[in-house]
Amino acid sequence: MAAHQKRLDDIDGLCNCLAARQASRYLTAVYDQALSPVELRITQFSILYKLVKSGPLVIGELADKMAMDRTTLSSNLKPLERNGLVEVVPGEDRRVKQAMITKAGLARYRLALPLWSEVQKKFEGAYGEKPASELRKALRTVLNAGFQPWAETGPQ
């Protein structure tokens, strides 16, 4: 029994998800703190960035680009909508909605970008530019591991 218990105790060092979530929570807090002067969280900043880069996006496309399920994306869009930074409007196909950045959203994004750049620079200075680049590459590779965590299931 003691050997079995020891194996269970070792999950801390073995669980890929736990390690990634711990690092994610840590970095999220660091970036959130840096963006707090412009009243944005890193997830909101990232959504604004995707909309600046890509233009209006159908909610499903934005969810895919964010690697987020639609429900989580919707809860992240609500404060952006409430603050007039994003509009969610009917798409060309009226059955779907699309998100688009507003003029106020673009202005807030532009205020936030130097704050993001500064915290990005500090992180890379502390962690190392090359290791940070390798970390991003490795994490992007995870997104292509073959799982479909947000696939809609239903009758076939």
C-alpha atoms as a PDB file:
ATOM      1  CA  MET A   1       0.000   0.000   0.000  1.00  0.00           C
ATOM      2  CA  ALA A   2       2.832   2.419   0.811  1.00  0.00           C
ATOM      3  CA  ALA A   3       4.366   1.970  -2.675  1.00  0.00           C
ATOM      4  CA  HIS A   4       0.974   2.625  -4.269  1.00  0.00           C
ATOM      5  CA  GLN A   5       0.509   5.754  -2.122  1.00  0.00           C
ATOM      6  CA  LYS A   6       3.974   6.974  -3.125  1.00  0.00           C
ATOM      7  CA  ARG A   7       3.012   6.762  -6.824  1.00  0.00           C
ATOM      8  CA  LEU A   8      -0.092   8.849  -6.191  1.00  0.00           C
ATOM      9  CA  ASP A   9       1.976  11.456  -4.342  1.00  0.00           C
ATOM     10  CA  ASP A  10       4.261  11.831  -7.367  1.00  0.00           C
ATOM     11  CA  ILE A  11       1.560  13.248  -9.667  1.00  0.00           C
ATOM     12  CA  ASP A  12       2.712  16.808  -8.846  1.00  0.00           C
ATOM     13  CA  GLY A  13       5.858  16.272 -10.857  1.00  0.00           C
ATOM     14  CA  LEU A  14       4.177  14.244 -13.607  1.00  0.00           C
ATOM     15  CA  CYS A  15       0.900  15.954 -14.483  1.00  0.00           C
ATOM     16  CA  ASN A  16       1.343  17.973 -17.665  1.00  0.00           C
ATOM     17  CA  CYS A  17      -1.939  19.785 -17.165  1.00  0.00           C
ATOM     18  CA  LEU A  18      -1.166  20.818 -13.577  1.00  0.00           C
ATOM     19  CA  ALA A  19       2.263  22.172 -14.558  1.00  0.00           C
ATOM     20  CA  ALA A  20       0.801  24.105 -17.499  1.00  0.00           C
ATOM     21  CA  ARG A  21      -2.073  25.504 -15.397  1.00  0.00           C
ATOM     22  CA  GLN A  22       0.260  26.587 -12.594  1.00  0.00           C
ATOM     23  CA  ALA A  23       2.515  28.405 -15.064  1.00  0.00           C
ATOM     24  CA  SER A  24      -0.542  29.832 -16.825  1.00  0.00           C
ATOM     25  CA  ARG A  25      -2.023  31.193 -13.590  1.00  0.00           C
ATOM     26  CA  TYR A  26       1.342  32.719 -12.668  1.00  0.00           C
ATOM     27  CA  LEU A  27       1.819  34.418 -16.050  1.00  0.00           C
ATOM     28  CA  THR A  28      -1.827  35.467 -16.186  1.00  0.00           C
ATOM     29  CA  ALA A  29      -1.429  37.266 -12.851  1.00  0.00           C
ATOM     30  CA  VAL A  30       1.781  38.956 -14.058  1.00  0.00           C
ATOM     31  CA  TYR A  31       0.212  40.163 -17.332  1.00  0.00           C
ATOM     32  CA  ASP A  32      -3.093  41.118 -15.637  1.00  0.00           C
ATOM     33  CA  GLN A  33      -1.180  43.249 -13.165  1.00  0.00           C
ATOM     34  CA  ALA A  34       0.736  44.961 -15.975  1.00  0.00           C
ATOM     35  CA  LEU A  35      -2.487  45.711 -17.902  1.00  0.00           C
ATOM     36  CA  SER A  36      -4.468  46.883 -14.870  1.00  0.00           C
ATOM     37  CA  PRO A  37      -3.778  50.617 -15.512  1.00  0.00           C
ATOM     38  CA  VAL A  38      -5.916  50.351 -18.678  1.00  0.00           C
ATOM     39  CA  GLU A  39      -8.502  48.108 -16.993  1.00  0.00           C
ATOM     40  CA  LEU A  40      -7.896  45.066 -19.155  1.00  0.00           C
ATOM     41  CA  ARG A  41      -7.038  41.488 -18.322  1.00  0.00           C
ATOM     42  CA  ILE A  42      -4.657  39.531 -20.537  1.00  0.00           C
ATOM     43  CA  THR A  43      -7.480  37.441 -22.010  1.00  0.00           C
ATOM     44  CA  GLN A  44      -9.386  40.605 -22.951  1.00  0.00           C
ATOM     45  CA  PHE A  45      -6.230  42.136 -24.421  1.00  0.00           C
ATOM     46  CA  SER A  46      -5.690  38.955 -26.460  1.00  0.00           C
ATOM     47  CA  ILE A  47      -9.247  39.074 -27.798  1.00  0.00           C
ATOM     48  CA  LEU A  48      -8.777  42.712 -28.809  1.00  0.00           C
ATOM     49  CA  TYR A  49      -5.488  41.765 -30.485  1.00  0.00           C
ATOM     50  CA  LYS A  50      -7.135  38.973 -32.502  1.00  0.00           C
ATOM     51  CA  LEU A  51      -9.852  41.382 -33.643  1.00  0.00           C
ATOM     52  CA  VAL A  52      -7.293  44.069 -34.538  1.00  0.00           C
ATOM     53  CA  LYS A  53      -5.259  41.528 -36.489  1.00  0.00           C
ATOM     54  CA  SER A  54      -8.102  39.681 -38.231  1.00  0.00           C
ATOM     55  CA  GLY A  55     -10.971  42.149 -38.326  1.00  0.00           C
ATOM     56  CA  PRO A  56     -14.503  41.052 -37.434  1.00  0.00           C
ATOM     57  CA  LEU A  57     -14.700  37.343 -36.710  1.00  0.00           C
ATOM     58  CA  VAL A  58     -17.573  34.910 -36.417  1.00  0.00           C
ATOM     59  CA  ILE A  59     -17.738  33.800 -32.789  1.00  0.00           C
ATOM     60  CA  GLY A  60     -16.725  30.228 -33.680  1.00  0.00           C
ATOM     61  CA  GLU A  61     -13.652  31.448 -35.575  1.00  0.00           C
ATOM     62  CA  LEU A  62     -12.657  33.721 -32.706  1.00  0.00           C
ATOM     63  CA  ALA A  63     -13.095  30.831 -30.254  1.00  0.00           C
ATOM     64  CA  ASP A  64     -10.824  28.677 -32.451  1.00  0.00           C
ATOM     65  CA  LYS A  65      -8.180  31.416 -32.688  1.00  0.00           C
ATOM     66  CA  MET A  66      -8.281  31.834 -28.909  1.00  0.00           C
ATOM     67  CA  ALA A  67      -8.244  28.042 -28.279  1.00  0.00           C
ATOM     68  CA  MET A  68     -11.348  28.536 -26.145  1.00  0.00           C
ATOM     69  CA  ASP A  69     -14.770  26.976 -26.008  1.00  0.00           C
ATOM     70  CA  ARG A  70     -17.618  29.286 -27.027  1.00  0.00           C
ATOM     71  CA  THR A  71     -19.076  29.552 -23.528  1.00  0.00           C
ATOM     72  CA  THR A  72     -15.779  30.756 -22.065  1.00  0.00           C
ATOM     73  CA  LEU A  73     -15.311  33.142 -24.976  1.00  0.00           C
ATOM     74  CA  SER A  74     -18.812  34.562 -24.431  1.00  0.00           C
ATOM     75  CA  SER A  75     -18.091  35.214 -20.758  1.00  0.00           C
ATOM     76  CA  ASN A  76     -14.862  36.988 -21.753  1.00  0.00           C
ATOM     77  CA  LEU A  77     -16.638  39.061 -24.427  1.00  0.00           C
ATOM     78  CA  LYS A  78     -19.391  40.317 -22.095  1.00  0.00           C
ATOM     79  CA  PRO A  79     -17.269  42.858 -20.160  1.00  0.00           C
ATOM     80  CA  LEU A  80     -15.665  44.021 -23.420  1.00  0.00           C
ATOM     81  CA  GLU A  81     -19.139  44.551 -24.877  1.00  0.00           C
ATOM     82  CA  ARG A  82     -20.422  46.228 -21.709  1.00  0.00           C
ATOM     83  CA  ASN A  83     -17.487  48.661 -21.810  1.00  0.00           C
ATOM     84  CA  GLY A  84     -18.057  49.447 -25.486  1.00  0.00           C
ATOM     85  CA  LEU A  85     -14.770  47.893 -26.646  1.00  0.00           C
ATOM     86  CA  VAL A  86     -16.324  45.116 -28.740  1.00  0.00           C
ATOM     87  CA  GLU A  87     -19.644  44.719 -30.524  1.00  0.00           C
ATOM     88  CA  VAL A  88     -21.279  41.358 -31.150  1.00  0.00           C
ATOM     89  CA  VAL A  89     -23.526  41.683 -34.185  1.00  0.00           C
ATOM     90  CA  PRO A  90     -25.266  39.383 -36.650  1.00  0.00           C
ATOM     91  CA  GLY A  91     -22.861  38.057 -39.287  1.00  0.00           C
ATOM     92  CA  GLU A  92     -23.430  37.936 -43.033  1.00  0.00           C
ATOM     93  CA  ASP A  93     -25.278  34.723 -42.313  1.00  0.00           C
ATOM     94  CA  ARG A  94     -27.851  36.031 -39.798  1.00  0.00           C
ATOM     95  CA  ARG A  95     -27.773  32.715 -37.931  1.00  0.00           C
ATOM     96  CA  VAL A  96     -24.276  33.421 -36.632  1.00  0.00           C
ATOM     97  CA  LYS A  97     -22.857  36.322 -34.683  1.00  0.00           C
ATOM     98  CA  GLN A  98     -19.556  38.026 -35.188  1.00  0.00           C
ATOM     99  CA  ALA A  99     -17.381  40.059 -32.858  1.00  0.00           C
ATOM    100  CA  MET A 100     -15.840  43.302 -33.983  1.00  0.00           C
ATOM    101  CA  ILE A 101     -13.630  45.807 -32.217  1.00  0.00           C
ATOM    102  CA  THR A 102     -15.013  49.323 -31.768  1.00  0.00           C
ATOM    103  CA  LYS A 103     -13.124  52.624 -32.023  1.00  0.00           C
ATOM    104  CA  ALA A 104     -13.007  52.684 -28.216  1.00  0.00           C
ATOM    105  CA  GLY A 105     -11.672  49.115 -28.241  1.00  0.00           C
ATOM    106  CA  LEU A 106      -8.943  50.030 -30.700  1.00  0.00           C
ATOM    107  CA  ALA A 107      -8.002  53.050 -28.576  1.00  0.00           C
ATOM    108  CA  ARG A 108      -7.827  50.879 -25.425  1.00  0.00           C
ATOM    109  CA  TYR A 109      -5.781  48.264 -27.275  1.00  0.00           C
ATOM    110  CA  ARG A 110      -3.318  50.973 -28.334  1.00  0.00           C
ATOM    111  CA  LEU A 111      -3.012  52.133 -24.702  1.00  0.00           C
ATOM    112  CA  ALA A 112      -2.480  48.552 -23.538  1.00  0.00           C
ATOM    113  CA  LEU A 113       0.081  47.528 -26.161  1.00  0.00           C
ATOM    114  CA  PRO A 114       3.061  49.354 -24.572  1.00  0.00           C
ATOM    115  CA  LEU A 115       2.141  47.856 -21.163  1.00  0.00           C
ATOM    116  CA  TRP A 116       2.010  44.399 -22.725  1.00  0.00           C
ATOM    117  CA  SER A 117       5.321  45.035 -24.511  1.00  0.00           C
ATOM    118  CA  GLU A 118       6.975  46.038 -21.247  1.00  0.00           C
ATOM    119  CA  VAL A 119       5.839  42.965 -19.317  1.00  0.00           C
ATOM    120  CA  GLN A 120       6.749  40.770 -22.300  1.00  0.00           C
ATOM    121  CA  LYS A 121      10.240  42.297 -22.295  1.00  0.00           C
ATOM    122  CA  LYS A 122      10.586  41.801 -18.515  1.00  0.00           C
ATOM    123  CA  PHE A 123       9.518  38.166 -18.756  1.00  0.00           C
ATOM    124  CA  GLU A 124      11.938  37.458 -21.578  1.00  0.00           C
ATOM    125  CA  GLY A 125      14.686  39.233 -19.646  1.00  0.00           C
ATOM    126  CA  ALA A 126      14.071  37.054 -16.592  1.00  0.00           C
ATOM    127  CA  TYR A 127      13.326  33.775 -18.391  1.00  0.00           C
ATOM    128  CA  GLY A 128      15.562  34.280 -21.407  1.00  0.00           C
ATOM    129  CA  GLU A 129      14.621  35.324 -24.920  1.00  0.00           C
ATOM    130  CA  LYS A 130      15.531  32.014 -26.559  1.00  0.00           C
ATOM    131  CA  PRO A 131      13.896  29.826 -23.864  1.00  0.00           C
ATOM    132  CA  ALA A 132      10.760  32.024 -24.065  1.00  0.00           C
ATOM    133  CA  SER A 133      10.630  31.531 -27.832  1.00  0.00           C
ATOM    134  CA  GLU A 134      11.074  27.765 -27.391  1.00  0.00           C
ATOM    135  CA  LEU A 135       8.378  27.742 -24.700  1.00  0.00           C
ATOM    136  CA  ARG A 136       5.870  29.463 -27.012  1.00  0.00           C
ATOM    137  CA  LYS A 137       6.730  27.021 -29.789  1.00  0.00           C
ATOM    138  CA  ALA A 138       6.288  24.032 -27.469  1.00  0.00           C
ATOM    139  CA  LEU A 139       2.973  25.342 -26.153  1.00  0.00           C
ATOM    140  CA  ARG A 140       1.672  25.933 -29.688  1.00  0.00           C
ATOM    141  CA  THR A 141       2.643  22.352 -30.518  1.00  0.00           C
ATOM    142  CA  VAL A 142       0.432  21.183 -27.639  1.00  0.00           C
ATOM    143  CA  LEU A 143      -2.531  22.694 -29.500  1.00  0.00           C
ATOM    144  CA  ASN A 144      -1.866  20.217 -32.306  1.00  0.00           C
ATOM    145  CA  ALA A 145      -1.630  17.136 -30.085  1.00  0.00           C
ATOM    146  CA  GLY A 146      -4.672  15.578 -31.738  1.00  0.00           C
ATOM    147  CA  PHE A 147      -7.293  16.164 -29.062  1.00  0.00           C
ATOM    148  CA  GLN A 148     -10.607  17.907 -29.738  1.00  0.00           C
ATOM    149  CA  PRO A 149     -11.626  19.284 -26.343  1.00  0.00           C
ATOM    150  CA  TRP A 150     -14.278  21.651 -27.708  1.00  0.00           C
ATOM    151  CA  ALA A 151     -15.728  19.440 -30.427  1.00  0.00           C
ATOM    152  CA  GLU A 152     -19.483  19.603 -30.396  1.00  0.00           C
ATOM    153  CA  THR A 153     -20.866  16.153 -29.860  1.00  0.00           C
ATOM    154  CA  GLY A 154     -24.333  15.061 -30.698  1.00  0.00           C
ATOM    155  CA  PRO A 155     -26.248  12.571 -32.749  1.00  0.00           C
ATOM    156  CA  GLN A 156     -24.237  11.376 -35.718  1.00  0.00           C
END
